[in-house]
N, C-alpha and C. Protein backbone atom coordinates (compact mmCIF):
# COMPACT_ATOMS: atom_id res chain seq x y z
N MET A 1 -13.83 27.38 -62.17
CA MET A 1 -15.22 27.01 -62.01
C MET A 1 -15.44 26.28 -60.69
N ALA A 2 -14.52 25.38 -60.33
CA ALA A 2 -14.68 24.63 -59.08
C ALA A 2 -14.71 25.58 -57.89
N GLU A 3 -13.85 26.58 -57.89
CA GLU A 3 -13.84 27.56 -56.79
C GLU A 3 -15.16 28.30 -56.72
N ARG A 4 -15.70 28.66 -57.87
CA ARG A 4 -16.98 29.36 -57.93
C ARG A 4 -18.09 28.51 -57.30
N LEU A 5 -18.11 27.22 -57.65
CA LEU A 5 -19.15 26.33 -57.11
C LEU A 5 -18.97 26.13 -55.61
N LEU A 6 -17.73 25.97 -55.15
CA LEU A 6 -17.50 25.83 -53.72
C LEU A 6 -17.92 27.09 -52.97
N THR A 7 -17.69 28.24 -53.57
CA THR A 7 -18.10 29.51 -52.96
C THR A 7 -19.62 29.60 -52.85
N LEU A 8 -20.33 29.09 -53.85
CA LEU A 8 -21.80 29.10 -53.81
C LEU A 8 -22.32 28.39 -52.56
N PHE A 9 -21.69 27.27 -52.20
CA PHE A 9 -22.17 26.45 -51.09
C PHE A 9 -21.54 26.80 -49.75
N ALA A 10 -20.53 27.65 -49.74
CA ALA A 10 -19.76 27.91 -48.53
C ALA A 10 -20.61 28.38 -47.35
N ASN A 11 -21.61 29.19 -47.58
CA ASN A 11 -22.40 29.74 -46.48
C ASN A 11 -23.84 29.24 -46.44
N VAL A 12 -24.11 28.15 -47.15
CA VAL A 12 -25.46 27.58 -47.14
C VAL A 12 -25.69 26.90 -45.79
N SER A 13 -26.82 27.21 -45.21
CA SER A 13 -27.20 26.63 -43.92
C SER A 13 -28.28 25.57 -44.15
N VAL A 14 -28.07 24.38 -43.59
CA VAL A 14 -29.04 23.30 -43.75
C VAL A 14 -29.44 22.77 -42.37
N PRO A 15 -30.69 22.92 -41.99
CA PRO A 15 -31.15 22.38 -40.71
C PRO A 15 -31.08 20.85 -40.72
N CYS A 16 -30.80 20.27 -39.59
CA CYS A 16 -30.78 18.80 -39.49
C CYS A 16 -32.17 18.21 -39.47
N ASP A 17 -33.17 19.01 -39.16
CA ASP A 17 -34.55 18.55 -39.14
C ASP A 17 -35.07 18.48 -40.58
N ILE A 18 -35.88 17.48 -40.87
CA ILE A 18 -36.46 17.32 -42.20
C ILE A 18 -37.95 17.60 -42.10
N VAL A 19 -38.39 18.71 -42.72
CA VAL A 19 -39.78 19.17 -42.62
C VAL A 19 -40.51 18.97 -43.94
N ASN A 20 -41.61 18.22 -43.88
CA ASN A 20 -42.51 18.04 -45.03
C ASN A 20 -41.79 17.60 -46.30
N GLN A 21 -41.09 16.50 -46.22
CA GLN A 21 -40.45 15.93 -47.40
C GLN A 21 -41.53 15.46 -48.37
N SER A 22 -41.33 15.75 -49.67
CA SER A 22 -42.28 15.31 -50.69
C SER A 22 -42.33 13.79 -50.74
N ARG A 23 -43.45 13.28 -51.25
CA ARG A 23 -43.61 11.85 -51.45
C ARG A 23 -44.12 11.60 -52.84
N GLY A 24 -43.75 10.48 -53.38
CA GLY A 24 -44.21 10.14 -54.71
C GLY A 24 -43.51 8.90 -55.22
N THR A 25 -43.78 8.56 -56.46
CA THR A 25 -43.20 7.36 -57.05
C THR A 25 -42.32 7.66 -58.26
N ASP A 26 -42.33 8.88 -58.73
CA ASP A 26 -41.56 9.22 -59.90
C ASP A 26 -40.88 10.56 -59.66
N GLY A 27 -39.63 10.65 -59.98
CA GLY A 27 -38.90 11.89 -59.78
C GLY A 27 -37.41 11.62 -59.75
N VAL A 28 -36.67 12.60 -59.33
CA VAL A 28 -35.21 12.52 -59.32
C VAL A 28 -34.71 12.65 -57.89
N THR A 29 -33.74 11.83 -57.53
CA THR A 29 -33.07 11.97 -56.25
C THR A 29 -31.75 12.68 -56.50
N TYR A 30 -31.48 13.71 -55.72
CA TYR A 30 -30.26 14.50 -55.86
C TYR A 30 -29.33 14.20 -54.69
N TYR A 31 -28.03 14.27 -54.95
CA TYR A 31 -27.01 14.04 -53.93
C TYR A 31 -25.99 15.17 -53.97
N LEU A 32 -25.53 15.57 -52.82
CA LEU A 32 -24.46 16.57 -52.72
C LEU A 32 -23.52 16.10 -51.61
N CYS A 33 -22.24 16.06 -51.91
CA CYS A 33 -21.26 15.59 -50.94
C CYS A 33 -20.05 16.51 -50.98
N ARG A 34 -19.53 16.82 -49.82
CA ARG A 34 -18.30 17.62 -49.70
C ARG A 34 -17.42 16.92 -48.69
N GLU A 35 -16.19 16.59 -49.10
CA GLU A 35 -15.29 15.85 -48.23
C GLU A 35 -13.98 16.57 -48.06
N ALA A 36 -13.43 16.44 -46.88
CA ALA A 36 -12.10 16.94 -46.54
C ALA A 36 -11.40 15.78 -45.82
N PRO A 37 -10.11 15.90 -45.56
CA PRO A 37 -9.40 14.77 -44.95
C PRO A 37 -10.03 14.23 -43.65
N PHE A 38 -10.54 15.08 -42.78
CA PHE A 38 -11.05 14.59 -41.50
C PHE A 38 -12.51 14.97 -41.23
N ALA A 39 -13.23 15.34 -42.27
CA ALA A 39 -14.64 15.70 -42.11
C ALA A 39 -15.34 15.57 -43.47
N SER A 40 -16.62 15.34 -43.41
CA SER A 40 -17.40 15.31 -44.65
C SER A 40 -18.86 15.62 -44.33
N VAL A 41 -19.57 16.03 -45.35
CA VAL A 41 -21.00 16.27 -45.22
C VAL A 41 -21.66 15.73 -46.50
N ARG A 42 -22.82 15.11 -46.32
CA ARG A 42 -23.52 14.51 -47.45
C ARG A 42 -25.01 14.76 -47.28
N ALA A 43 -25.67 15.15 -48.34
CA ALA A 43 -27.12 15.36 -48.30
C ALA A 43 -27.73 14.70 -49.54
N SER A 44 -28.90 14.16 -49.37
CA SER A 44 -29.65 13.65 -50.52
C SER A 44 -31.12 13.98 -50.30
N TRP A 45 -31.83 14.20 -51.40
CA TRP A 45 -33.25 14.52 -51.31
C TRP A 45 -33.92 14.12 -52.61
N TRP A 46 -35.20 13.92 -52.52
CA TRP A 46 -36.00 13.54 -53.67
C TRP A 46 -36.85 14.74 -54.09
N HIS A 47 -36.99 14.90 -55.38
CA HIS A 47 -37.85 15.91 -55.98
C HIS A 47 -37.43 17.32 -55.54
N ARG A 48 -38.26 18.03 -54.81
CA ARG A 48 -37.92 19.40 -54.38
C ARG A 48 -37.18 19.42 -53.05
N GLY A 49 -37.18 18.34 -52.34
CA GLY A 49 -36.51 18.28 -51.04
C GLY A 49 -37.39 18.79 -49.92
N PRO A 50 -36.93 18.66 -48.69
CA PRO A 50 -37.69 19.14 -47.55
C PRO A 50 -37.90 20.66 -47.62
N GLU A 51 -39.03 21.12 -47.11
CA GLU A 51 -39.35 22.55 -47.15
C GLU A 51 -38.27 23.42 -46.51
N ASN A 52 -37.66 22.94 -45.45
CA ASN A 52 -36.67 23.77 -44.75
C ASN A 52 -35.27 23.63 -45.33
N TRP A 53 -35.12 22.94 -46.46
CA TRP A 53 -33.83 22.84 -47.14
C TRP A 53 -33.81 23.71 -48.40
N THR A 54 -34.72 24.62 -48.54
CA THR A 54 -34.84 25.43 -49.76
C THR A 54 -33.54 26.12 -50.13
N GLU A 55 -32.81 26.64 -49.16
CA GLU A 55 -31.55 27.32 -49.47
C GLU A 55 -30.57 26.35 -50.14
N LEU A 56 -30.49 25.14 -49.64
CA LEU A 56 -29.59 24.14 -50.24
C LEU A 56 -30.07 23.72 -51.62
N THR A 57 -31.34 23.39 -51.77
CA THR A 57 -31.83 22.89 -53.05
C THR A 57 -31.78 23.98 -54.14
N ARG A 58 -32.09 25.21 -53.77
CA ARG A 58 -32.01 26.30 -54.74
C ARG A 58 -30.56 26.52 -55.19
N THR A 59 -29.62 26.51 -54.24
CA THR A 59 -28.21 26.69 -54.57
C THR A 59 -27.71 25.53 -55.43
N PHE A 60 -28.14 24.32 -55.10
CA PHE A 60 -27.76 23.14 -55.88
C PHE A 60 -28.20 23.30 -57.34
N HIS A 61 -29.45 23.71 -57.55
CA HIS A 61 -29.95 23.85 -58.92
C HIS A 61 -29.28 25.01 -59.65
N GLU A 62 -28.91 26.04 -58.94
CA GLU A 62 -28.15 27.14 -59.55
C GLU A 62 -26.80 26.63 -60.04
N ALA A 63 -26.12 25.85 -59.21
CA ALA A 63 -24.83 25.27 -59.60
C ALA A 63 -25.01 24.30 -60.77
N TRP A 64 -26.07 23.51 -60.72
CA TRP A 64 -26.37 22.55 -61.80
C TRP A 64 -26.53 23.29 -63.13
N GLU A 65 -27.25 24.40 -63.11
CA GLU A 65 -27.45 25.18 -64.34
C GLU A 65 -26.12 25.72 -64.88
N GLU A 66 -25.26 26.20 -63.99
CA GLU A 66 -23.94 26.69 -64.42
C GLU A 66 -23.13 25.57 -65.07
N LEU A 67 -23.15 24.39 -64.47
CA LEU A 67 -22.42 23.26 -65.04
C LEU A 67 -23.04 22.82 -66.37
N ASP A 68 -24.35 22.83 -66.44
CA ASP A 68 -25.04 22.43 -67.66
C ASP A 68 -24.68 23.33 -68.83
N GLN A 69 -24.45 24.61 -68.56
CA GLN A 69 -24.10 25.55 -69.63
C GLN A 69 -22.70 25.29 -70.18
N LEU A 70 -21.87 24.57 -69.44
CA LEU A 70 -20.52 24.24 -69.90
C LEU A 70 -20.52 23.05 -70.85
N ARG A 71 -21.60 22.31 -70.86
CA ARG A 71 -21.70 21.11 -71.69
C ARG A 71 -21.70 21.50 -73.16
N PRO A 72 -20.87 20.84 -73.97
CA PRO A 72 -20.87 21.17 -75.40
C PRO A 72 -22.21 20.82 -76.03
N ILE A 73 -22.58 21.60 -77.01
CA ILE A 73 -23.82 21.35 -77.74
C ILE A 73 -23.60 20.18 -78.68
N ALA A 74 -24.50 19.24 -78.66
CA ALA A 74 -24.38 18.06 -79.52
C ALA A 74 -24.65 18.47 -80.97
N VAL A 75 -23.75 18.06 -81.83
CA VAL A 75 -23.90 18.33 -83.26
C VAL A 75 -24.16 17.01 -83.95
N PRO A 76 -25.28 16.88 -84.67
CA PRO A 76 -25.58 15.61 -85.33
C PRO A 76 -24.52 15.27 -86.38
N ILE A 77 -24.21 14.01 -86.47
CA ILE A 77 -23.26 13.53 -87.47
C ILE A 77 -24.05 13.06 -88.68
N ASN A 78 -23.74 13.63 -89.84
CA ASN A 78 -24.44 13.21 -91.07
C ASN A 78 -23.87 11.88 -91.52
N SER A 79 -24.76 10.93 -91.77
CA SER A 79 -24.26 9.62 -92.21
C SER A 79 -24.45 9.42 -93.68
């Protein structure tokens, strides 16, 4: 699974410019970090993210959905 997720992000292009970032007071901030011994990259965004980061945010949510499907279904405990 880890290889699959790394492959999803391998060719994602993210411009350094931030265009039309959403604003608001309620929402979720997302973080993505990839580190290697002598290099790293880190991105964070709120809500939908900047308009020109769509490739990154869409790929992130695709990966999130794949991970979410691995989560065991909660079974209520009868007391």
